[in-house]
PDB file of N, CA and C in Angstrom:
ATOM      1  N   MET A   1     -31.774  -5.327  -0.351  1.00  0.00           N
ATOM      2  CA  MET A   1     -31.940  -4.271  -1.318  1.00  0.00           C
ATOM      3  C   MET A   1     -30.669  -4.207  -2.155  1.00  0.00           C
ATOM      4  N   SER A   2     -30.808  -4.164  -3.447  1.00  0.00           N
ATOM      5  CA  SER A   2     -29.646  -4.026  -4.313  1.00  0.00           C
ATOM      6  C   SER A   2     -29.519  -2.569  -4.743  1.00  0.00           C
ATOM      7  N   TYR A   3     -28.291  -2.186  -5.037  1.00  0.00           N
ATOM      8  CA  TYR A   3     -28.025  -0.815  -5.426  1.00  0.00           C
ATOM      9  C   TYR A   3     -27.731  -0.729  -6.916  1.00  0.00           C
ATOM     10  N   ILE A   4     -28.073   0.392  -7.494  1.00  0.00           N
ATOM     11  CA  ILE A   4     -27.782   0.694  -8.889  1.00  0.00           C
ATOM     12  C   ILE A   4     -26.817   1.873  -8.885  1.00  0.00           C
ATOM     13  N   LYS A   5     -25.780   1.789  -9.690  1.00  0.00           N
ATOM     14  CA  LYS A   5     -24.823   2.895  -9.762  1.00  0.00           C
ATOM     15  C   LYS A   5     -25.469   4.054 -10.503  1.00  0.00           C
ATOM     16  N   ALA A   6     -25.458   5.208  -9.858  1.00  0.00           N
ATOM     17  CA  ALA A   6     -26.118   6.394 -10.415  1.00  0.00           C
ATOM     18  C   ALA A   6     -25.573   6.745 -11.792  1.00  0.00           C
ATOM     19  N   ASP A   7     -24.261   6.603 -12.001  1.00  0.00           N
ATOM     20  CA  ASP A   7     -23.690   6.996 -13.290  1.00  0.00           C
ATOM     21  C   ASP A   7     -24.096   6.068 -14.435  1.00  0.00           C
ATOM     22  N   GLN A   8     -24.746   4.953 -14.078  1.00  0.00           N
ATOM     23  CA  GLN A   8     -25.233   4.036 -15.119  1.00  0.00           C
ATOM     24  C   GLN A   8     -26.662   4.360 -15.552  1.00  0.00           C
ATOM     25  N   VAL A   9     -27.380   5.155 -14.765  1.00  0.00           N
ATOM     26  CA  VAL A   9     -28.789   5.419 -15.095  1.00  0.00           C
ATOM     27  C   VAL A   9     -29.174   6.900 -15.099  1.00  0.00           C
ATOM     28  N   LEU A  10     -28.346   7.754 -14.523  1.00  0.00           N
ATOM     29  CA  LEU A  10     -28.696   9.173 -14.433  1.00  0.00           C
ATOM     30  C   LEU A  10     -27.739  10.013 -15.271  1.00  0.00           C
ATOM     31  N   PRO A  11     -28.242  11.130 -15.817  1.00  0.00           N
ATOM     32  CA  PRO A  11     -27.353  12.029 -16.559  1.00  0.00           C
ATOM     33  C   PRO A  11     -26.350  12.692 -15.616  1.00  0.00           C
ATOM     34  N   LYS A  12     -25.173  13.010 -16.156  1.00  0.00           N
ATOM     35  CA  LYS A  12     -24.083  13.596 -15.377  1.00  0.00           C
ATOM     36  C   LYS A  12     -24.522  14.869 -14.652  1.00  0.00           C
ATOM     37  N   GLU A  13     -25.331  15.693 -15.313  1.00  0.00           N
ATOM     38  CA  GLU A  13     -25.780  16.945 -14.711  1.00  0.00           C
ATOM     39  C   GLU A  13     -26.626  16.700 -13.454  1.00  0.00           C
ATOM     40  N   LEU A  14     -27.456  15.674 -13.510  1.00  0.00           N
ATOM     41  CA  LEU A  14     -28.298  15.353 -12.354  1.00  0.00           C
ATOM     42  C   LEU A  14     -27.445  14.826 -11.201  1.00  0.00           C
ATOM     43  N   ILE A  15     -26.482  13.997 -11.523  1.00  0.00           N
ATOM     44  CA  ILE A  15     -25.579  13.471 -10.484  1.00  0.00           C
ATOM     45  C   ILE A  15     -24.844  14.621  -9.806  1.00  0.00           C
ATOM     46  N   GLU A  16     -24.356  15.575 -10.596  1.00  0.00           N
ATOM     47  CA  GLU A  16     -23.643  16.721 -10.024  1.00  0.00           C
ATOM     48  C   GLU A  16     -24.562  17.560  -9.137  1.00  0.00           C
ATOM     49  N   ALA A  17     -25.830  17.702  -9.533  1.00  0.00           N
ATOM     50  CA  ALA A  17     -26.794  18.447  -8.708  1.00  0.00           C
ATOM     51  C   ALA A  17     -27.042  17.720  -7.387  1.00  0.00           C
ATOM     52  N   ILE A  18     -27.154  16.410  -7.425  1.00  0.00           N
ATOM     53  CA  ILE A  18     -27.372  15.635  -6.197  1.00  0.00           C
ATOM     54  C   ILE A  18     -26.136  15.714  -5.311  1.00  0.00           C
ATOM     55  N   GLN A  19     -24.932  15.652  -5.929  1.00  0.00           N
ATOM     56  CA  GLN A  19     -23.687  15.729  -5.159  1.00  0.00           C
ATOM     57  C   GLN A  19     -23.559  17.063  -4.425  1.00  0.00           C
ATOM     58  N   HIS A  20     -24.205  18.084  -4.937  1.00  0.00           N
ATOM     59  CA  HIS A  20     -24.196  19.380  -4.258  1.00  0.00           C
ATOM     60  C   HIS A  20     -24.833  19.256  -2.867  1.00  0.00           C
ATOM     61  N   TYR A  21     -25.849  18.397  -2.742  1.00  0.00           N
ATOM     62  CA  TYR A  21     -26.574  18.224  -1.478  1.00  0.00           C
ATOM     63  C   TYR A  21     -26.035  17.065  -0.640  1.00  0.00           C
ATOM     64  N   ILE A  22     -25.646  15.995  -1.286  1.00  0.00           N
ATOM     65  CA  ILE A  22     -25.210  14.798  -0.564  1.00  0.00           C
ATOM     66  C   ILE A  22     -24.136  14.117  -1.398  1.00  0.00           C
ATOM     67  N   ASP A  23     -22.891  14.309  -1.009  1.00  0.00           N
ATOM     68  CA  ASP A  23     -21.756  13.839  -1.800  1.00  0.00           C
ATOM     69  C   ASP A  23     -21.180  12.548  -1.217  1.00  0.00           C
ATOM     70  N   GLY A  24     -21.198  11.486  -2.015  1.00  0.00           N
ATOM     71  CA  GLY A  24     -20.564  10.236  -1.619  1.00  0.00           C
ATOM     72  C   GLY A  24     -21.329   9.412  -0.606  1.00  0.00           C
ATOM     73  N   LYS A  25     -22.571   9.716  -0.366  1.00  0.00           N
ATOM     74  CA  LYS A  25     -23.399   8.976   0.600  1.00  0.00           C
ATOM     75  C   LYS A  25     -24.485   8.209  -0.147  1.00  0.00           C
ATOM     76  N   SER A  26     -25.029   7.204   0.507  1.00  0.00           N
ATOM     77  CA  SER A  26     -26.159   6.467  -0.065  1.00  0.00           C
ATOM     78  C   SER A  26     -27.433   7.264   0.144  1.00  0.00           C
ATOM     79  N   ILE A  27     -28.324   7.181  -0.812  1.00  0.00           N
ATOM     80  CA  ILE A  27     -29.597   7.881  -0.716  1.00  0.00           C
ATOM     81  C   ILE A  27     -30.694   6.952  -1.233  1.00  0.00           C
ATOM     82  N   TYR A  28     -31.813   6.956  -0.539  1.00  0.00           N
ATOM     83  CA  TYR A  28     -32.957   6.140  -0.943  1.00  0.00           C
ATOM     84  C   TYR A  28     -33.930   7.028  -1.703  1.00  0.00           C
ATOM     85  N   ILE A  29     -34.347   6.573  -2.875  1.00  0.00           N
ATOM     86  CA  ILE A  29     -35.347   7.293  -3.658  1.00  0.00           C
ATOM     87  C   ILE A  29     -36.594   6.422  -3.679  1.00  0.00           C
ATOM     88  N   PRO A  30     -37.672   6.869  -3.036  1.00  0.00           N
ATOM     89  CA  PRO A  30     -38.884   6.041  -2.951  1.00  0.00           C
ATOM     90  C   PRO A  30     -39.586   5.915  -4.300  1.00  0.00           C
ATOM     91  N   THR A  31     -40.341   4.859  -4.430  1.00  0.00           N
ATOM     92  CA  THR A  31     -41.114   4.626  -5.631  1.00  0.00           C
ATOM     93  C   THR A  31     -42.293   5.597  -5.711  1.00  0.00           C
ATOM     94  N   LYS A  32     -42.715   5.921  -6.904  1.00  0.00           N
ATOM     95  CA  LYS A  32     -43.876   6.803  -7.069  1.00  0.00           C
ATOM     96  C   LYS A  32     -45.174   6.059  -6.773  1.00  0.00           C
ATOM     97  N   HIS A  33     -45.184   4.767  -7.025  1.00  0.00           N
ATOM     98  CA  HIS A  33     -46.408   3.969  -6.891  1.00  0.00           C
ATOM     99  C   HIS A  33     -46.229   2.954  -5.765  1.00  0.00           C
ATOM    100  N   LYS A  34     -46.446   3.410  -4.552  1.00  0.00           N
ATOM    101  CA  LYS A  34     -46.266   2.561  -3.383  1.00  0.00           C
ATOM    102  C   LYS A  34     -47.462   1.625  -3.219  1.00  0.00           C
ATOM    103  N   GLN A  35     -47.159   0.348  -2.987  1.00  0.00           N
ATOM    104  CA  GLN A  35     -48.208  -0.634  -2.738  1.00  0.00           C
ATOM    105  C   GLN A  35     -48.598  -0.616  -1.269  1.00  0.00           C
ATOM    106  N   ALA A  36     -49.829  -0.966  -1.006  1.00  0.00           N
ATOM    107  CA  ALA A  36     -50.281  -1.087   0.371  1.00  0.00           C
ATOM    108  C   ALA A  36     -49.602  -2.293   1.011  1.00  0.00           C
ATOM    109  N   TRP A  37     -49.452  -2.272   2.333  1.00  0.00           N
ATOM    110  CA  TRP A  37     -48.784  -3.336   3.049  1.00  0.00           C
ATOM    111  C   TRP A  37     -49.455  -4.675   2.759  1.00  0.00           C
ATOM    112  N   GLY A  38     -48.647  -5.690   2.475  1.00  0.00           N
ATOM    113  CA  GLY A  38     -49.145  -7.046   2.304  1.00  0.00           C
ATOM    114  C   GLY A  38     -49.654  -7.380   0.921  1.00  0.00           C
ATOM    115  N   ASN A  39     -49.688  -6.427   0.009  1.00  0.00           N
ATOM    116  CA  ASN A  39     -50.207  -6.711  -1.327  1.00  0.00           C
ATOM    117  C   ASN A  39     -49.281  -7.596  -2.146  1.00  0.00           C
ATOM    118  N   GLY A  40     -47.997  -7.580  -1.859  1.00  0.00           N
ATOM    119  CA  GLY A  40     -47.045  -8.379  -2.624  1.00  0.00           C
ATOM    120  C   GLY A  40     -46.847  -9.778  -2.078  1.00  0.00           C
ATOM    121  N   THR A  41     -47.467 -10.082  -0.935  1.00  0.00           N
ATOM    122  CA  THR A  41     -47.283 -11.386  -0.297  1.00  0.00           C
ATOM    123  C   THR A  41     -48.637 -11.908   0.196  1.00  0.00           C
ATOM    124  N   SER A  42     -48.597 -13.070   0.824  1.00  0.00           N
ATOM    125  CA  SER A  42     -49.826 -13.632   1.388  1.00  0.00           C
ATOM    126  C   SER A  42     -50.010 -13.251   2.857  1.00  0.00           C
ATOM    127  N   SER A  43     -49.138 -12.393   3.373  1.00  0.00           N
ATOM    128  CA  SER A  43     -49.188 -12.021   4.793  1.00  0.00           C
ATOM    129  C   SER A  43     -50.510 -11.367   5.178  1.00  0.00           C
ATOM    130  N   LYS A  44     -50.984 -10.475   4.352  1.00  0.00           N
ATOM    131  CA  LYS A  44     -52.212  -9.747   4.671  1.00  0.00           C
ATOM    132  C   LYS A  44     -53.383 -10.720   4.841  1.00  0.00           C
ATOM    133  N   ALA A  45     -53.510 -11.645   3.919  1.00  0.00           N
ATOM    134  CA  ALA A  45     -54.591 -12.633   3.999  1.00  0.00           C
ATOM    135  C   ALA A  45     -54.431 -13.527   5.224  1.00  0.00           C
ATOM    136  N   PHE A  46     -53.187 -13.912   5.530  1.00  0.00           N
ATOM    137  CA  PHE A  46     -52.932 -14.756   6.700  1.00  0.00           C
ATOM    138  C   PHE A  46     -53.401 -14.065   7.973  1.00  0.00           C
ATOM    139  N   PHE A  47     -53.018 -12.800   8.161  1.00  0.00           N
ATOM    140  CA  PHE A  47     -53.377 -12.089   9.384  1.00  0.00           C
ATOM    141  C   PHE A  47     -54.870 -11.780   9.444  1.00  0.00           C
ATOM    142  N   GLN A  48     -55.498 -11.491   8.319  1.00  0.00           N
ATOM    143  CA  GLN A  48     -56.950 -11.266   8.316  1.00  0.00           C
ATOM    144  C   GLN A  48     -57.696 -12.525   8.739  1.00  0.00           C
ATOM    145  N   GLU A  49     -57.263 -13.660   8.218  1.00  0.00           N
ATOM    146  CA  GLU A  49     -57.919 -14.932   8.562  1.00  0.00           C
ATOM    147  C   GLU A  49     -57.664 -15.289  10.031  1.00  0.00           C
ATOM    148  N   ARG A  50     -56.421 -15.085  10.502  1.00  0.00           N
ATOM    149  CA  ARG A  50     -56.105 -15.362  11.910  1.00  0.00           C
ATOM    150  C   ARG A  50     -56.936 -14.474  12.830  1.00  0.00           C
ATOM    151  N   ASN A  51     -57.023 -13.189  12.497  1.00  0.00           N
ATOM    152  CA  ASN A  51     -57.771 -12.260  13.340  1.00  0.00           C
ATOM    153  C   ASN A  51     -59.251 -12.607  13.362  1.00  0.00           C
ATOM    154  N   GLN A  52     -59.789 -13.078  12.252  1.00  0.00           N
ATOM    155  CA  GLN A  52     -61.191 -13.506  12.222  1.00  0.00           C
ATOM    156  C   GLN A  52     -61.390 -14.737  13.098  1.00  0.00           C
ATOM    157  N   ARG A  53     -60.430 -15.673  13.077  1.00  0.00           N
ATOM    158  CA  ARG A  53     -60.525 -16.869  13.940  1.00  0.00           C
ATOM    159  C   ARG A  53     -60.491 -16.464  15.414  1.00  0.00           C
ATOM    160  N   ILE A  54     -59.650 -15.494  15.751  1.00  0.00           N
ATOM    161  CA  ILE A  54     -59.582 -14.998  17.129  1.00  0.00           C
ATOM    162  C   ILE A  54     -60.923 -14.396  17.529  1.00  0.00           C
ATOM    163  N   TYR A  55     -61.488 -13.574  16.670  1.00  0.00           N
ATOM    164  CA  TYR A  55     -62.765 -12.919  16.961  1.00  0.00           C
ATOM    165  C   TYR A  55     -63.892 -13.942  17.104  1.00  0.00           C
ATOM    166  N   ASP A  56     -63.922 -14.926  16.201  1.00  0.00           N
ATOM    167  CA  ASP A  56     -64.962 -15.962  16.265  1.00  0.00           C
ATOM    168  C   ASP A  56     -64.844 -16.780  17.551  1.00  0.00           C
ATOM    169  N   ALA A  57     -63.614 -17.096  17.949  1.00  0.00           N
ATOM    170  CA  ALA A  57     -63.407 -17.850  19.193  1.00  0.00           C
ATOM    171  C   ALA A  57     -63.853 -17.034  20.398  1.00  0.00           C
ATOM    172  N   TRP A  58     -63.593 -15.730  20.362  1.00  0.00           N
ATOM    173  CA  TRP A  58     -64.017 -14.856  21.456  1.00  0.00           C
ATOM    174  C   TRP A  58     -65.541 -14.781  21.526  1.00  0.00           C
ATOM    175  N   LEU A  59     -66.192 -14.688  20.360  1.00  0.00           N
ATOM    176  CA  LEU A  59     -67.653 -14.675  20.337  1.00  0.00           C
ATOM    177  C   LEU A  59     -68.236 -15.984  20.860  1.00  0.00           C
ATOM    178  N   SER A  60     -67.475 -17.062  20.704  1.00  0.00           N
ATOM    179  CA  SER A  60     -67.925 -18.377  21.174  1.00  0.00           C
ATOM    180  C   SER A  60     -67.628 -18.598  22.653  1.00  0.00           C
ATOM    181  N   GLY A  61     -67.024 -17.598  23.309  1.00  0.00           N
ATOM    182  CA  GLY A  61     -66.836 -17.687  24.750  1.00  0.00           C
ATOM    183  C   GLY A  61     -65.408 -17.815  25.239  1.00  0.00           C
ATOM    184  N   ALA A  62     -64.434 -17.863  24.359  1.00  0.00           N
ATOM    185  CA  ALA A  62     -63.040 -17.951  24.798  1.00  0.00           C
ATOM    186  C   ALA A  62     -62.629 -16.635  25.457  1.00  0.00           C
ATOM    187  N   SER A  63     -61.856 -16.729  26.527  1.00  0.00           N
ATOM    188  CA  SER A  63     -61.389 -15.524  27.219  1.00  0.00           C
ATOM    189  C   SER A  63     -60.188 -14.935  26.483  1.00  0.00           C
ATOM    190  N   GLN A  64     -59.901 -13.681  26.781  1.00  0.00           N
ATOM    191  CA  GLN A  64     -58.751 -13.033  26.167  1.00  0.00           C
ATOM    192  C   GLN A  64     -57.453 -13.731  26.579  1.00  0.00           C
ATOM    193  N   LYS A  65     -57.394 -14.181  27.817  1.00  0.00           N
ATOM    194  CA  LYS A  65     -56.204 -14.893  28.291  1.00  0.00           C
ATOM    195  C   LYS A  65     -56.032 -16.204  27.528  1.00  0.00           C
ATOM    196  N   GLU A  66     -57.120 -16.933  27.342  1.00  0.00           N
ATOM    197  CA  GLU A  66     -57.085 -18.198  26.603  1.00  0.00           C
ATOM    198  C   GLU A  66     -56.637 -17.957  25.154  1.00  0.00           C
ATOM    199  N   LEU A  67     -57.164 -16.912  24.526  1.00  0.00           N
ATOM    200  CA  LEU A  67     -56.793 -16.588  23.149  1.00  0.00           C
ATOM    201  C   LEU A  67     -55.328 -16.178  23.071  1.00  0.00           C
ATOM    202  N   SER A  68     -54.858 -15.471  24.077  1.00  0.00           N
ATOM    203  CA  SER A  68     -53.460 -15.056  24.131  1.00  0.00           C
ATOM    204  C   SER A  68     -52.543 -16.282  24.121  1.00  0.00           C
ATOM    205  N   LEU A  69     -52.874 -17.273  24.910  1.00  0.00           N
ATOM    206  CA  LEU A  69     -52.078 -18.496  24.965  1.00  0.00           C
ATOM    207  C   LEU A  69     -52.208 -19.311  23.668  1.00  0.00           C
ATOM    208  N   ARG A  70     -53.421 -19.442  23.159  1.00  0.00           N
ATOM    209  CA  ARG A  70     -53.672 -20.251  21.964  1.00  0.00           C
ATOM    210  C   ARG A  70     -52.960 -19.690  20.726  1.00  0.00           C
ATOM    211  N   PHE A  71     -52.938 -18.373  20.590  1.00  0.00           N
ATOM    212  CA  PHE A  71     -52.369 -17.754  19.392  1.00  0.00           C
ATOM    213  C   PHE A  71     -50.980 -17.147  19.629  1.00  0.00           C
ATOM    214  N   ALA A  72     -50.426 -17.346  20.841  1.00  0.00           N
ATOM    215  CA  ALA A  72     -49.088 -16.862  21.191  1.00  0.00           C
ATOM    216  C   ALA A  72     -48.952 -15.357  20.970  1.00  0.00           C
ATOM    217  N   LEU A  73     -49.947 -14.623  21.464  1.00  0.00           N
ATOM    218  CA  LEU A  73     -49.957 -13.170  21.373  1.00  0.00           C
ATOM    219  C   LEU A  73     -50.167 -12.595  22.769  1.00  0.00           C
ATOM    220  N   SER A  74     -49.754 -11.350  22.969  1.00  0.00           N
ATOM    221  CA  SER A  74     -50.005 -10.708  24.255  1.00  0.00           C
ATOM    222  C   SER A  74     -51.502 -10.408  24.383  1.00  0.00           C
ATOM    223  N   GLN A  75     -51.947 -10.242  25.619  1.00  0.00           N
ATOM    224  CA  GLN A  75     -53.356  -9.904  25.834  1.00  0.00           C
ATOM    225  C   GLN A  75     -53.679  -8.547  25.215  1.00  0.00           C
ATOM    226  N   LYS A  76     -52.720  -7.627  25.218  1.00  0.00           N
ATOM    227  CA  LYS A  76     -52.935  -6.315  24.576  1.00  0.00           C
ATOM    228  C   LYS A  76     -53.165  -6.491  23.075  1.00  0.00           C
ATOM    229  N   SER A  77     -52.422  -7.400  22.441  1.00  0.00           N
ATOM    230  CA  SER A  77     -52.615  -7.659  21.010  1.00  0.00           C
ATOM    231  C   SER A  77     -53.987  -8.267  20.754  1.00  0.00           C
ATOM    232  N   ILE A  78     -54.397  -9.172  21.620  1.00  0.00           N
ATOM    233  CA  ILE A  78     -55.729  -9.782  21.490  1.00  0.00           C
ATOM    234  C   ILE A  78     -56.796  -8.703  21.619  1.00  0.00           C
ATOM    235  N   GLN A  79     -56.647  -7.826  22.605  1.00  0.00           N
ATOM    236  CA  GLN A  79     -57.618  -6.738  22.787  1.00  0.00           C
ATOM    237  C   GLN A  79     -57.696  -5.853  21.549  1.00  0.00           C
ATOM    238  N   ARG A  80     -56.543  -5.530  20.978  1.00  0.00           N
ATOM    239  CA  ARG A  80     -56.496  -4.682  19.771  1.00  0.00           C
ATOM    240  C   ARG A  80     -57.195  -5.376  18.597  1.00  0.00           C
ATOM    241  N   ILE A  81     -56.920  -6.656  18.433  1.00  0.00           N
ATOM    242  CA  ILE A  81     -57.543  -7.426  17.341  1.00  0.00           C
ATOM    243  C   ILE A  81     -59.049  -7.482  17.527  1.00  0.00           C
ATOM    244  N   LEU A  82     -59.491  -7.743  18.747  1.00  0.00           N
ATOM    245  CA  LEU A  82     -60.936  -7.818  19.015  1.00  0.00           C
ATOM    246  C   LEU A  82     -61.618  -6.481  18.753  1.00  0.00           C
ATOM    247  N   ARG A  83     -60.954  -5.396  19.152  1.00  0.00           N
ATOM    248  CA  ARG A  83     -61.496  -4.059  18.902  1.00  0.00           C
ATOM    249  C   ARG A  83     -61.624  -3.797  17.401  1.00  0.00           C
ATOM    250  N   GLN A  84     -60.571  -4.130  16.649  1.00  0.00           N
ATOM    251  CA  GLN A  84     -60.584  -3.898  15.197  1.00  0.00           C
ATOM    252  C   GLN A  84     -61.636  -4.762  14.504  1.00  0.00           C
ATOM    253  N   GLN A  85     -61.719  -6.027  14.895  1.00  0.00           N
ATOM    254  CA  GLN A  85     -62.686  -6.921  14.267  1.00  0.00           C
ATOM    255  C   GLN A  85     -64.122  -6.488  14.601  1.00  0.00           C
ATOM    256  N   ASN A  86     -64.338  -6.071  15.845  1.00  0.00           N
ATOM    257  CA  ASN A  86     -65.670  -5.602  16.249  1.00  0.00           C
ATOM    258  C   ASN A  86     -66.063  -4.374  15.452  1.00  0.00           C
ATOM    259  N   LYS A  87     -65.102  -3.478  15.258  1.00  0.00           N
ATOM    260  CA  LYS A  87     -65.350  -2.257  14.493  1.00  0.00           C
ATOM    261  C   LYS A  87     -65.713  -2.606  13.043  1.00  0.00           C
ATOM    262  N   GLN A  88     -64.991  -3.564  12.447  1.00  0.00           N
ATOM    263  CA  GLN A  88     -65.285  -3.992  11.071  1.00  0.00           C
ATOM    264  C   GLN A  88     -66.656  -4.636  10.960  1.00  0.00           C
ATOM    265  N   GLU A  89     -67.016  -5.436  11.942  1.00  0.00           N
ATOM    266  CA  GLU A  89     -68.306  -6.128  11.935  1.00  0.00           C
ATOM    267  C   GLU A  89     -69.481  -5.149  12.013  1.00  0.00           C
ATOM    268  N   HIS A  90     -69.243  -4.022  12.691  1.00  0.00           N
ATOM    269  CA  HIS A  90     -70.337  -3.068  12.918  1.00  0.00           C
ATOM    270  C   HIS A  90     -70.211  -1.796  12.063  1.00  0.00           C
ATOM    271  N   SER A  91     -69.419  -1.884  11.011  1.00  0.00           N
ATOM    272  CA  SER A  91     -69.289  -0.721  10.114  1.00  0.00           C
ATOM    273  C   SER A  91     -70.192  -0.850   8.911  1.00  0.00           C
TER     274      SER A  91
END
């Protein structure tokens, strides 16, 4: 994360008002238009496709333990993925 100097973008009066509450410390100002997770990268698509492959393999008879080893995930993660995929399939 890069920082912008407040005195380069904010009016002096606003800086003084902020200093009243937090003087000399870093502060994070969130964006007004937050993107959903994964929208800026290909991660969301990767995990959706992986989770579908896990679900399809389970439907084809693979055990949760086998899927855990094949995809290098804990059995709890496999269970969570199967639950989510099943819910999506039946919604």
